[in-house]
Protein backbone atom coordinates (compact mmCIF):
# COMPACT_ATOMS: atom_id res chain seq x y z
CA MET A 1 -11.19 3.68 10.61
CA LYS A 2 -11.05 4.84 7.00
CA LEU A 3 -11.67 2.47 4.11
CA SER A 4 -10.19 2.71 0.64
CA ILE A 5 -10.08 0.41 -2.39
CA SER A 6 -7.06 -0.46 -4.53
CA ASN A 7 -7.64 -0.50 -8.27
CA LEU A 8 -5.81 -3.84 -8.23
CA SER A 9 -9.31 -5.16 -7.47
CA PHE A 10 -10.65 -4.21 -10.90
CA THR A 11 -9.75 -6.37 -13.89
CA GLY A 12 -8.16 -4.18 -16.51
CA PHE A 13 -8.24 -1.29 -14.00
CA ASP A 14 -11.71 -0.42 -15.36
CA TYR A 15 -12.30 3.14 -14.23
CA ALA A 16 -16.03 2.87 -15.01
CA LEU A 17 -16.18 0.42 -12.10
CA MET A 18 -14.06 2.71 -9.93
CA LYS A 19 -16.62 5.46 -10.43
CA GLN A 20 -19.31 3.19 -8.97
CA LEU A 21 -17.58 3.08 -5.60
CA PRO A 22 -19.60 4.71 -2.81
CA ASP A 23 -18.54 8.27 -2.08
CA ASN A 24 -17.42 7.40 1.46
CA LEU A 25 -14.67 5.10 0.15
CA GLY A 26 -11.22 6.19 -0.97
CA LEU A 27 -9.24 4.87 -3.94
CA GLU A 28 -5.61 3.82 -4.34
CA LEU A 29 -4.14 3.79 -7.84
CA PHE A 30 -1.24 1.70 -9.17
CA TRP A 31 0.28 4.64 -11.01
CA GLU A 32 2.88 2.73 -13.08
CA PHE A 33 0.23 0.75 -14.98
CA GLY A 34 -0.87 3.71 -17.06
CA ASN A 35 0.65 6.55 -19.08
CA PRO A 36 -0.09 10.25 -18.43
CA PHE A 37 -2.86 10.31 -21.07
CA TYR A 38 -4.55 7.32 -19.42
CA TRP A 39 -4.44 8.91 -15.96
CA GLU A 40 -5.79 12.20 -17.31
CA GLN A 41 -8.77 10.29 -18.70
CA VAL A 42 -9.22 8.31 -15.48
CA MET A 43 -9.17 11.33 -13.19
CA ARG A 44 -11.46 13.35 -15.47
CA HIS A 45 -13.90 10.44 -15.46
CA LEU A 46 -13.73 9.92 -11.68
CA THR A 47 -14.21 13.60 -10.87
CA ASP A 48 -17.06 14.26 -13.32
CA ASN A 49 -20.19 15.36 -11.42
CA ARG A 50 -19.19 13.73 -8.15
CA PRO A 51 -16.95 14.42 -5.16
CA LEU A 52 -13.31 13.52 -5.74
CA LEU A 53 -12.55 10.16 -4.19
CA GLU A 54 -9.96 10.45 -1.44
CA LEU A 55 -6.85 9.33 -3.27
CA SER A 56 -3.58 7.54 -2.53
CA VAL A 57 -0.95 6.48 -5.06
CA HIS A 58 0.99 3.22 -5.21
CA GLY A 59 4.45 4.10 -6.48
CA PRO A 60 6.27 2.04 -9.13
CA SER A 61 6.88 -1.47 -7.84
CA VAL A 62 7.07 -3.81 -10.85
CA GLY A 63 9.21 -1.74 -13.21
CA VAL A 64 11.36 -0.40 -10.36
CA ASN A 65 13.59 -2.27 -7.92
CA LEU A 66 15.30 -0.07 -5.34
CA ALA A 67 17.59 -2.97 -4.36
CA SER A 68 19.11 -3.30 -7.83
CA ARG A 69 22.11 -1.13 -8.81
CA SER A 70 21.23 -1.69 -12.46
CA ASP A 71 17.94 0.12 -11.90
CA THR A 72 18.91 3.67 -12.83
CA HIS A 73 15.45 4.99 -13.74
CA TYR A 74 13.81 4.72 -10.31
CA LEU A 75 14.26 8.40 -9.44
CA SER A 76 12.69 9.66 -12.66
CA LEU A 77 9.66 7.41 -12.30
CA TYR A 78 9.14 8.27 -8.66
CA ARG A 79 9.34 11.99 -9.46
CA GLN A 80 6.57 11.50 -12.03
CA ALA A 81 4.49 9.52 -9.53
CA PHE A 82 4.89 12.22 -6.89
CA GLN A 83 3.91 14.92 -9.40
CA PHE A 84 0.74 13.00 -10.24
CA ALA A 85 0.01 12.52 -6.53
CA GLY A 86 0.53 16.22 -5.89
CA LYS A 87 -1.70 17.30 -8.78
CA TRP A 88 -4.61 15.28 -7.37
CA GLN A 89 -3.89 16.01 -3.70
CA ALA A 90 -3.22 12.40 -2.76
CA ARG A 91 -2.99 11.61 0.94
CA PHE A 92 0.20 9.55 0.53
CA LEU A 93 2.41 7.62 -1.87
CA VAL A 94 3.45 3.99 -1.26
CA ALA A 95 7.02 2.77 -1.83
CA HIS A 96 8.19 -0.84 -2.16
CA THR A 97 11.69 -1.49 -0.83
CA ASN A 98 12.50 -4.19 -3.38
CA GLU A 99 11.42 -7.05 -5.54
CA ALA A 100 14.15 -9.68 -5.94
CA PHE A 101 17.66 -8.85 -4.79
CA GLY A 102 21.13 -10.29 -5.30
CA GLY A 103 24.48 -10.22 -3.53
CA SER A 104 24.92 -9.30 0.10
CA PRO A 105 21.60 -8.58 1.86
CA GLU A 106 23.25 -5.89 4.00
CA GLU A 107 24.62 -4.13 0.92
CA ALA A 108 21.19 -4.31 -0.69
CA ARG A 109 19.60 -2.89 2.47
CA ARG A 110 22.09 0.00 2.48
CA LEU A 111 21.30 0.74 -1.17
CA VAL A 112 17.55 0.74 -0.48
CA ARG A 113 17.98 3.01 2.55
CA SER A 114 19.97 5.54 0.52
CA ARG A 115 17.42 5.53 -2.30
CA LEU A 116 14.48 5.86 0.06
CA ALA A 117 16.25 8.85 1.62
CA GLU A 118 16.22 10.44 -1.85
CA LEU A 119 12.49 9.75 -2.13
CA VAL A 120 11.89 11.35 1.27
CA LEU A 121 13.41 14.57 -0.08
CA ILE A 122 11.02 14.48 -3.05
CA SER A 123 8.18 13.70 -0.66
CA ARG A 124 8.94 16.82 1.36
CA LYS A 125 9.20 18.97 -1.75
CA GLU A 126 5.89 17.73 -3.17
CA LYS A 127 4.22 17.71 0.28
CA ILE A 128 3.01 14.14 -0.22
CA PRO A 129 3.87 11.72 2.63
CA LEU A 130 5.97 8.70 1.66
CA LEU A 131 4.87 5.40 3.23
CA ILE A 132 7.22 2.40 3.20
CA GLU A 133 5.59 -1.00 2.72
CA ASN A 134 6.76 -4.34 4.11
CA VAL A 135 7.34 -6.53 1.05
CA GLY A 136 8.98 -9.82 0.08
CA VAL A 137 8.37 -13.45 0.99
CA LYS A 138 10.89 -15.39 3.03
CA ARG A 139 10.19 -18.75 1.41
CA GLN A 140 10.76 -17.20 -2.03
CA ASN A 141 14.04 -15.54 -0.96
CA THR A 142 12.73 -12.05 -1.70
CA LEU A 143 12.44 -10.87 1.93
CA LEU A 144 15.12 -8.20 2.37
CA PHE A 145 13.55 -6.41 5.35
CA ASP A 146 12.17 -8.87 7.89
CA TRP A 147 10.59 -7.35 11.00
CA PRO A 148 13.80 -6.24 12.80
CA ASP A 149 15.24 -4.85 9.54
CA TYR A 150 11.98 -3.10 8.68
CA LEU A 151 11.94 -1.53 12.13
CA ASP A 152 15.55 -0.36 11.67
CA LEU A 153 14.66 1.06 8.25
CA LEU A 154 11.84 3.15 9.71
CA ALA A 155 14.14 4.34 12.49
CA ALA A 156 16.69 5.48 9.88
CA LEU A 157 14.00 7.40 7.94
CA PRO A 158 11.93 9.20 10.58
CA GLN A 159 10.22 11.45 8.03
CA ALA A 160 8.65 8.48 6.25
CA GLY A 161 5.57 6.66 7.47
CA ALA A 162 4.72 2.97 7.48
CA ILE A 163 2.11 1.06 5.52
CA ILE A 164 1.64 -2.51 6.75
CA ASP A 165 0.66 -5.14 4.20
CA THR A 166 -1.27 -7.83 6.08
CA GLY A 167 -0.80 -10.53 3.44
CA HIS A 168 2.97 -10.07 3.35
CA ALA A 169 3.12 -10.02 7.15
CA LEU A 170 1.14 -13.28 7.33
CA LEU A 171 3.43 -15.01 4.81
CA ASN A 172 6.48 -14.03 6.88
CA ASN A 173 4.96 -15.02 10.25
CA TRP A 174 4.92 -11.51 11.68
CA ASP A 175 2.97 -11.03 14.90
CA LEU A 176 0.69 -8.34 13.51
CA PRO A 177 -0.84 -7.15 16.81
CA ALA A 178 2.68 -6.82 18.26
CA VAL A 179 3.89 -4.97 15.14
CA ILE A 180 0.97 -2.56 15.35
CA ARG A 181 1.43 -2.03 19.07
CA GLN A 182 5.12 -1.18 18.59
CA LEU A 183 4.73 1.12 15.58
CA GLY A 184 1.49 2.77 16.72
CA GLY A 185 0.75 6.05 14.96
CA ARG A 186 3.77 5.64 12.70
CA ILE A 187 1.46 3.39 10.66
CA LYS A 188 -0.50 5.66 8.36
CA ALA A 189 -2.16 2.97 6.26
CA TYR A 190 -2.63 -0.77 5.73
CA HIS A 191 -2.93 -2.94 2.65
CA LEU A 192 -5.59 -5.46 3.65
CA HIS A 193 -5.74 -8.88 2.03
CA ASP A 194 -5.64 -12.54 3.07
CA ASN A 195 -3.88 -15.77 2.07
CA HIS A 196 -3.34 -19.37 3.20
CA GLY A 197 0.23 -18.86 4.37
CA LEU A 198 2.00 -20.06 1.22
CA TYR A 199 1.43 -17.59 -1.61
CA ASP A 200 0.63 -13.89 -1.96
CA GLU A 201 -2.94 -14.56 -3.08
CA HIS A 202 -4.51 -11.15 -2.30
CA LEU A 203 -7.72 -12.83 -1.17
CA PRO A 204 -10.63 -10.92 0.35
CA ALA A 205 -10.59 -10.61 4.13
CA GLY A 206 -11.80 -13.77 5.83
CA GLU A 207 -10.94 -16.17 3.00
CA GLY A 208 -7.51 -17.15 4.34
CA GLN A 209 -5.74 -17.68 7.65
CA LEU A 210 -5.42 -14.14 8.99
CA ASP A 211 -6.98 -13.41 12.39
CA TRP A 212 -9.03 -10.37 11.38
CA LYS A 213 -10.64 -9.87 14.77
CA ALA A 214 -7.23 -9.53 16.44
CA LEU A 215 -5.98 -7.33 13.61
CA PHE A 216 -8.84 -4.82 13.76
CA SER A 217 -8.67 -4.77 17.55
CA ALA A 218 -4.98 -3.79 17.38
CA ILE A 219 -5.60 -1.20 14.66
CA GLN A 220 -8.40 0.39 16.68
CA ALA A 221 -6.21 0.51 19.78
CA PHE A 222 -2.92 1.76 18.31
CA SER A 223 -3.47 3.31 14.84
CA PRO A 224 -7.17 4.21 14.62
CA ASP A 225 -6.59 7.05 12.14
CA ALA A 226 -4.86 4.84 9.55
CA THR A 227 -6.37 4.30 6.11
CA LEU A 228 -7.38 0.70 5.37
CA VAL A 229 -6.81 -0.07 1.69
CA LEU A 230 -8.51 -3.24 0.46
CA GLU A 231 -5.94 -4.67 -1.96
CA TYR A 232 -7.83 -7.66 -3.34
CA ALA A 233 -7.11 -9.28 -6.70
CA ASN A 234 -9.40 -11.02 -9.21
CA THR A 235 -12.68 -9.91 -7.69
CA THR A 236 -15.74 -7.96 -8.77
CA LEU A 237 -17.23 -4.75 -7.46
CA GLU A 238 -20.25 -6.66 -6.18
CA ALA A 239 -18.10 -9.24 -4.36
CA LEU A 240 -15.85 -6.55 -2.93
CA LEU A 241 -18.74 -4.53 -1.52
CA ALA A 242 -20.35 -7.70 -0.17
CA ASN A 243 -17.11 -8.61 1.58
CA MET A 244 -17.00 -5.15 3.16
CA HIS A 245 -20.46 -5.80 4.64
CA SER A 246 -19.56 -9.26 5.92
CA ALA A 247 -18.98 -10.25 9.53
CA VAL A 248 -15.24 -9.62 9.14
CA PHE A 249 -15.88 -5.87 8.95
CA ARG A 250 -18.67 -5.82 11.54
CA ASN A 251 -16.89 -3.25 13.74
CA VAL A 252 -15.33 -1.20 10.93
CA THR A 253 -17.17 1.94 9.90
CA PRO A 254 -16.12 3.45 6.56
CA ASN A 255 -15.75 7.19 7.15
CA ARG A 256 -14.49 9.82 4.77
CA CYS A 257 -10.69 9.95 4.77
């Protein structure tokens, strides 16, 4: 398995801390939280006198909502994100289907499918794989693509890959081992984090209710080449690295991506 760290883990997205990551770990960047000047500084800093961290890019997810017809700037922002990903040879770019949505769920799903199809075309042009994440929380009425709908979405977009967010899956009562078994190698990456089944807490692995032993067993069996992105919030570099060396990750070896 391949381990990577989301910069969501670093308060203020401190790139001095990112540079302290061990060389065998990758890095995923929330691209929309910085301007081009900021990212130029970050990447120059991260690549100075050290191997380039294996990179992935989280596409715009807060300032963009693919399920909203009033969102007319999504394509421009995604093009910029793909260009950044291409410049730094990112392994993939992550897309959220939606934040909140209104009106008919089926109409919203059709809109998202059509917009993701546009992003697939950009993905092919830039030669950066597009991975579609499972997002939304049923109890908060933001879940547009529950498991059957998510599966249908992937079937409609065969050139896109899947990235499974474990915290979102837990909140929506998905059977993660069954999901992984069914999707298999279609899953190119995971966002790993934990919660207590009520809120999207982005806790470190082992601090919530997720069955990590069953999860890693399924990943090893059905998608062993996927990248595991630790997407923790409100932690420190020391706590993050300590968590990676805890019993939860006993059978996970961080190899170069």
